[in-house]
Every structure is written in structure tokens, then in C-alpha cells.
């Protein structure tokens, strides 16, 4: 049955990766289901955190590829609005990476951090801390600690 558990962990990783990048669904629900069905909570925590973190890292780097002209053209956002958002990113900087786990707005924040070219290493570290803290909180909420 080890192969079945490994397959579940692979699914948990892929699901969390996709949830943090391009597919809109709840990595929280996936994590809770996996933890409740597993007898290896630590493995679920590590796999979910890494998958979700790497999905956000991908989203961040996709944001770095964007150009101002594309945002204006494709999303019809005026340069003034983009510059106003940049002021927020400049004010809070890489610390915004800690809240990328928030549903709906998290992916937008990850893209914005990349688009506005925050420093990659601190951003990646804070993304990891934020993602890990989120799943750690879920462990407390469902009574696993």
C-alpha cells in the first residue's frame, strides 16, 4: 500500500501546484482531505507546502515576463492604475509574498510581485514561509497538533 500513499502524495503535490498557479480551486480543501485520509501528516504538510510554493514561484516568474504595454492592451488597464499599484508594491515590497496564499487575490499578488520585479530570493523565501504557515494553521484548526 506504500505505492498508493505515494500516489496520493503525488496527487497532493500536483493539485497544490496547479491551485497556486493556473487552475482555480481550493488547495485548502485538497490539503484537509489528504491529511484526514493519511497517517503521515508530516509528509502531507511538506508535499502540499512544496507544491503550493512552487506553483506561486511559477506565477511570480510569469509575472516577470509581462510587459507594461501588454497589461494596457490585453487587460485595458491604464498606465496610471498600474503605476498606483506599483506604489503599493514599492511600499510593502517583498513582504506581500507572505499573503499570496489568500484565495482569489493571492495569484494576482504573485503576478504583481513578479511584474514589478521584487527581489527574487527574499520573495521566494517569504512565499515559502507564507505557504507553510497556511498549512500549519490548518493542522491546528482540524486538531492535528
C-alpha atoms as a PDB file:
ATOM      1  CA  UNK A   1       0.000   0.000   0.000  1.00  0.00           C
ATOM      2  CA  UNK A   2       3.022   2.318   0.079  1.00  0.00           C
ATOM      3  CA  UNK A   3       2.633   2.919  -3.645  1.00  0.00           C
ATOM      4  CA  UNK A   4      -0.934   4.065  -3.034  1.00  0.00           C
ATOM      5  CA  UNK A   5       0.205   6.556  -0.401  1.00  0.00           C
ATOM      6  CA  UNK A   6       2.952   7.795  -2.726  1.00  0.00           C
ATOM      7  CA  UNK A   7       0.400   8.201  -5.496  1.00  0.00           C
ATOM      8  CA  UNK A   8      -1.760  10.225  -3.082  1.00  0.00           C
ATOM      9  CA  UNK A   9       1.199  12.430  -2.199  1.00  0.00           C
ATOM     10  CA  UNK A  10       1.958  12.937  -5.886  1.00  0.00           C
ATOM     11  CA  UNK A  11      -1.670  13.963  -6.429  1.00  0.00           C
ATOM     12  CA  UNK A  12      -1.452  16.303  -3.440  1.00  0.00           C
ATOM     13  CA  UNK A  13       1.687  17.894  -4.877  1.00  0.00           C
ATOM     14  CA  UNK A  14       0.242  18.311  -8.379  1.00  0.00           C
ATOM     15  CA  UNK A  15      -3.076  19.615  -7.053  1.00  0.00           C
ATOM     16  CA  UNK A  16      -1.394  22.183  -4.813  1.00  0.00           C
ATOM     17  CA  UNK A  17       0.969  23.221  -7.586  1.00  0.00           C
ATOM     18  CA  UNK A  18      -1.900  23.808 -10.007  1.00  0.00           C
ATOM     19  CA  UNK A  19      -4.065  25.551  -7.394  1.00  0.00           C
ATOM     20  CA  UNK A  20      -1.274  28.077  -6.819  1.00  0.00           C
ATOM     21  CA  UNK A  21      -0.637  28.662 -10.491  1.00  0.00           C
ATOM     22  CA  UNK A  22      -3.265  28.342 -13.194  1.00  0.00           C
ATOM     23  CA  UNK A  23      -6.208  26.243 -12.015  1.00  0.00           C
ATOM     24  CA  UNK A  24      -8.707  27.992  -9.743  1.00  0.00           C
ATOM     25  CA  UNK A  25      -9.608  25.570  -6.954  1.00  0.00           C
ATOM     26  CA  UNK A  26      -9.029  25.226  -3.245  1.00  0.00           C
ATOM     27  CA  UNK A  27      -5.691  23.841  -2.159  1.00  0.00           C
ATOM     28  CA  UNK A  28      -7.044  24.080   1.396  1.00  0.00           C
ATOM     29  CA  UNK A  29      -9.793  21.538   0.747  1.00  0.00           C
ATOM     30  CA  UNK A  30      -7.328  19.263  -1.018  1.00  0.00           C
ATOM     31  CA  UNK A  31      -4.889  19.501   1.875  1.00  0.00           C
ATOM     32  CA  UNK A  32      -7.515  18.848   4.545  1.00  0.00           C
ATOM     33  CA  UNK A  33      -8.841  15.806   2.675  1.00  0.00           C
ATOM     34  CA  UNK A  34      -5.333  14.413   2.232  1.00  0.00           C
ATOM     35  CA  UNK A  35      -4.376  14.940   5.874  1.00  0.00           C
ATOM     36  CA  UNK A  36      -7.570  13.364   7.181  1.00  0.00           C
ATOM     37  CA  UNK A  37      -7.081  10.341   4.897  1.00  0.00           C
ATOM     38  CA  UNK A  38      -3.378   9.910   5.674  1.00  0.00           C
ATOM     39  CA  UNK A  39      -1.432   8.559   8.580  1.00  0.00           C
ATOM     40  CA  UNK A  40       1.613  10.622   7.607  1.00  0.00           C
ATOM     41  CA  UNK A  41       0.717  14.231   8.380  1.00  0.00           C
ATOM     42  CA  UNK A  42       4.318  15.438   8.087  1.00  0.00           C
ATOM     43  CA  UNK A  43       4.609  14.118   4.528  1.00  0.00           C
ATOM     44  CA  UNK A  44       1.311  15.756   3.567  1.00  0.00           C
ATOM     45  CA  UNK A  45       2.480  19.053   5.084  1.00  0.00           C
ATOM     46  CA  UNK A  46       5.817  19.013   3.251  1.00  0.00           C
ATOM     47  CA  UNK A  47       4.376  17.889  -0.096  1.00  0.00           C
ATOM     48  CA  UNK A  48       1.472  20.359  -0.031  1.00  0.00           C
ATOM     49  CA  UNK A  49       3.735  23.231   1.013  1.00  0.00           C
ATOM     50  CA  UNK A  50       6.303  22.498  -1.688  1.00  0.00           C
ATOM     51  CA  UNK A  51       3.670  22.063  -4.390  1.00  0.00           C
ATOM     52  CA  UNK A  52       1.838  25.243  -3.447  1.00  0.00           C
ATOM     53  CA  UNK A  53       5.080  27.197  -3.095  1.00  0.00           C
ATOM     54  CA  UNK A  54       6.416  26.065  -6.474  1.00  0.00           C
ATOM     55  CA  UNK A  55       3.089  26.987  -8.096  1.00  0.00           C
ATOM     56  CA  UNK A  56       3.444  30.506  -6.689  1.00  0.00           C
ATOM     57  CA  UNK A  57       7.065  30.650  -7.790  1.00  0.00           C
ATOM     58  CA  UNK A  58       5.932  29.819 -11.332  1.00  0.00           C
ATOM     59  CA  UNK A  59       3.250  32.518 -11.140  1.00  0.00           C
ATOM     60  CA  UNK A  60       5.839  35.026  -9.879  1.00  0.00           C
ATOM     61  CA  UNK A  61       8.168  34.281 -12.815  1.00  0.00           C
ATOM     62  CA  UNK A  62       5.282  34.504 -15.268  1.00  0.00           C
ATOM     63  CA  UNK A  63       4.658  37.988 -13.868  1.00  0.00           C
ATOM     64  CA  UNK A  64       8.284  38.920 -14.505  1.00  0.00           C
ATOM     65  CA  UNK A  65       7.764  38.138 -18.196  1.00  0.00           C
ATOM     66  CA  UNK A  66       4.891  40.609 -18.555  1.00  0.00           C
ATOM     67  CA  UNK A  67       5.373  43.992 -20.166  1.00  0.00           C
ATOM     68  CA  UNK A  68       3.575  47.270 -19.366  1.00  0.00           C
ATOM     69  CA  UNK A  69       2.254  47.503 -22.922  1.00  0.00           C
ATOM     70  CA  UNK A  70       0.658  44.056 -22.708  1.00  0.00           C
ATOM     71  CA  UNK A  71      -1.194  44.913 -19.494  1.00  0.00           C
ATOM     72  CA  UNK A  72      -2.548  48.098 -21.051  1.00  0.00           C
ATOM     73  CA  UNK A  73      -3.551  46.372 -24.281  1.00  0.00           C
ATOM     74  CA  UNK A  74      -4.885  42.989 -23.131  1.00  0.00           C
ATOM     75  CA  UNK A  75      -6.462  43.938 -19.835  1.00  0.00           C
ATOM     76  CA  UNK A  76      -7.302  47.527 -20.745  1.00  0.00           C
ATOM     77  CA  UNK A  77      -5.706  48.855 -17.593  1.00  0.00           C
ATOM     78  CA  UNK A  78      -4.466  52.406 -17.789  1.00  0.00           C
ATOM     79  CA  UNK A  79      -0.847  53.173 -17.042  1.00  0.00           C
ATOM     80  CA  UNK A  80      -1.893  55.428 -14.128  1.00  0.00           C
ATOM     81  CA  UNK A  81      -3.576  52.497 -12.383  1.00  0.00           C
ATOM     82  CA  UNK A  82      -0.543  50.292 -12.941  1.00  0.00           C
ATOM     83  CA  UNK A  83       1.709  52.985 -11.502  1.00  0.00           C
ATOM     84  CA  UNK A  84      -0.572  53.358  -8.463  1.00  0.00           C
ATOM     85  CA  UNK A  85      -0.372  49.601  -7.838  1.00  0.00           C
ATOM     86  CA  UNK A  86       3.388  49.806  -8.183  1.00  0.00           C
ATOM     87  CA  UNK A  87       3.433  52.338  -5.351  1.00  0.00           C
ATOM     88  CA  UNK A  88       1.830  49.715  -3.078  1.00  0.00           C
ATOM     89  CA  UNK A  89       4.333  47.081  -4.154  1.00  0.00           C
ATOM     90  CA  UNK A  90       7.151  49.560  -3.554  1.00  0.00           C
ATOM     91  CA  UNK A  91       5.725  50.397  -0.111  1.00  0.00           C
ATOM     92  CA  UNK A  92       5.191  46.848   1.136  1.00  0.00           C
ATOM     93  CA  UNK A  93       7.713  45.160  -1.152  1.00  0.00           C
ATOM     94  CA  UNK A  94       8.519  41.516  -0.790  1.00  0.00           C
ATOM     95  CA  UNK A  95       6.503  41.301   2.459  1.00  0.00           C
ATOM     96  CA  UNK A  96       3.378  40.947   0.332  1.00  0.00           C
ATOM     97  CA  UNK A  97       4.635  37.468  -0.545  1.00  0.00           C
ATOM     98  CA  UNK A  98       3.502  36.345   2.917  1.00  0.00           C
ATOM     99  CA  UNK A  99      -0.157  36.769   1.890  1.00  0.00           C
ATOM    100  CA  UNK A 100      -0.032  35.123  -1.525  1.00  0.00           C
ATOM    101  CA  UNK A 101      -1.903  32.157  -0.014  1.00  0.00           C
ATOM    102  CA  UNK A 102      -5.138  34.191   0.275  1.00  0.00           C
ATOM    103  CA  UNK A 103      -7.761  32.792  -2.127  1.00  0.00           C
ATOM    104  CA  UNK A 104      -8.585  34.796  -5.266  1.00  0.00           C
ATOM    105  CA  UNK A 105      -6.141  37.660  -4.687  1.00  0.00           C
ATOM    106  CA  UNK A 106      -3.052  35.568  -3.956  1.00  0.00           C
ATOM    107  CA  UNK A 107      -2.312  34.706  -7.564  1.00  0.00           C
ATOM    108  CA  UNK A 108      -2.742  38.351  -8.550  1.00  0.00           C
ATOM    109  CA  UNK A 109      -0.278  39.371  -5.842  1.00  0.00           C
ATOM    110  CA  UNK A 110       2.238  36.749  -7.013  1.00  0.00           C
ATOM    111  CA  UNK A 111       1.983  38.007 -10.587  1.00  0.00           C
ATOM    112  CA  UNK A 112       2.286  41.623  -9.387  1.00  0.00           C
ATOM    113  CA  UNK A 113       5.394  40.817  -7.339  1.00  0.00           C
ATOM    114  CA  UNK A 114       6.966  39.375 -10.473  1.00  0.00           C
ATOM    115  CA  UNK A 115       5.696  42.113 -12.759  1.00  0.00           C
ATOM    116  CA  UNK A 116       7.075  44.847 -10.513  1.00  0.00           C
ATOM    117  CA  UNK A 117      10.316  42.897 -10.176  1.00  0.00           C
ATOM    118  CA  UNK A 118      10.659  42.477  -6.438  1.00  0.00           C
ATOM    119  CA  UNK A 119      13.922  40.895  -5.336  1.00  0.00           C
ATOM    120  CA  UNK A 120      13.590  37.188  -6.215  1.00  0.00           C
ATOM    121  CA  UNK A 121      15.386  35.487  -3.298  1.00  0.00           C
ATOM    122  CA  UNK A 122      13.600  37.294  -0.438  1.00  0.00           C
ATOM    123  CA  UNK A 123      10.320  36.961  -2.340  1.00  0.00           C
ATOM    124  CA  UNK A 124      10.783  33.190  -2.727  1.00  0.00           C
ATOM    125  CA  UNK A 125      11.671  32.781   0.949  1.00  0.00           C
ATOM    126  CA  UNK A 126       8.631  34.740   2.108  1.00  0.00           C
ATOM    127  CA  UNK A 127       6.398  32.847  -0.326  1.00  0.00           C
ATOM    128  CA  UNK A 128       7.595  29.597   1.265  1.00  0.00           C
ATOM    129  CA  UNK A 129       7.045  30.895   4.808  1.00  0.00           C
ATOM    130  CA  UNK A 130       3.527  32.087   3.953  1.00  0.00           C
ATOM    131  CA  UNK A 131       2.557  28.818   2.291  1.00  0.00           C
ATOM    132  CA  UNK A 132       3.952  26.720   5.152  1.00  0.00           C
ATOM    133  CA  UNK A 133       2.211  28.873   7.770  1.00  0.00           C
ATOM    134  CA  UNK A 134      -1.100  28.433   5.992  1.00  0.00           C
ATOM    135  CA  UNK A 135      -0.953  24.623   6.087  1.00  0.00           C
ATOM    136  CA  UNK A 136       0.380  24.667   9.634  1.00  0.00           C
ATOM    137  CA  UNK A 137      -2.648  26.701  10.694  1.00  0.00           C
ATOM    138  CA  UNK A 138      -4.924  24.133   9.040  1.00  0.00           C
ATOM    139  CA  UNK A 139      -3.261  21.405  11.105  1.00  0.00           C
ATOM    140  CA  UNK A 140      -4.162  23.327  14.274  1.00  0.00           C
ATOM    141  CA  UNK A 141      -7.687  24.075  13.066  1.00  0.00           C
ATOM    142  CA  UNK A 142      -8.513  20.425  12.369  1.00  0.00           C
ATOM    143  CA  UNK A 143      -6.901  19.381  15.642  1.00  0.00           C
ATOM    144  CA  UNK A 144      -3.820  17.561  14.482  1.00  0.00           C
ATOM    145  CA  UNK A 145      -1.498  19.296  16.960  1.00  0.00           C
END
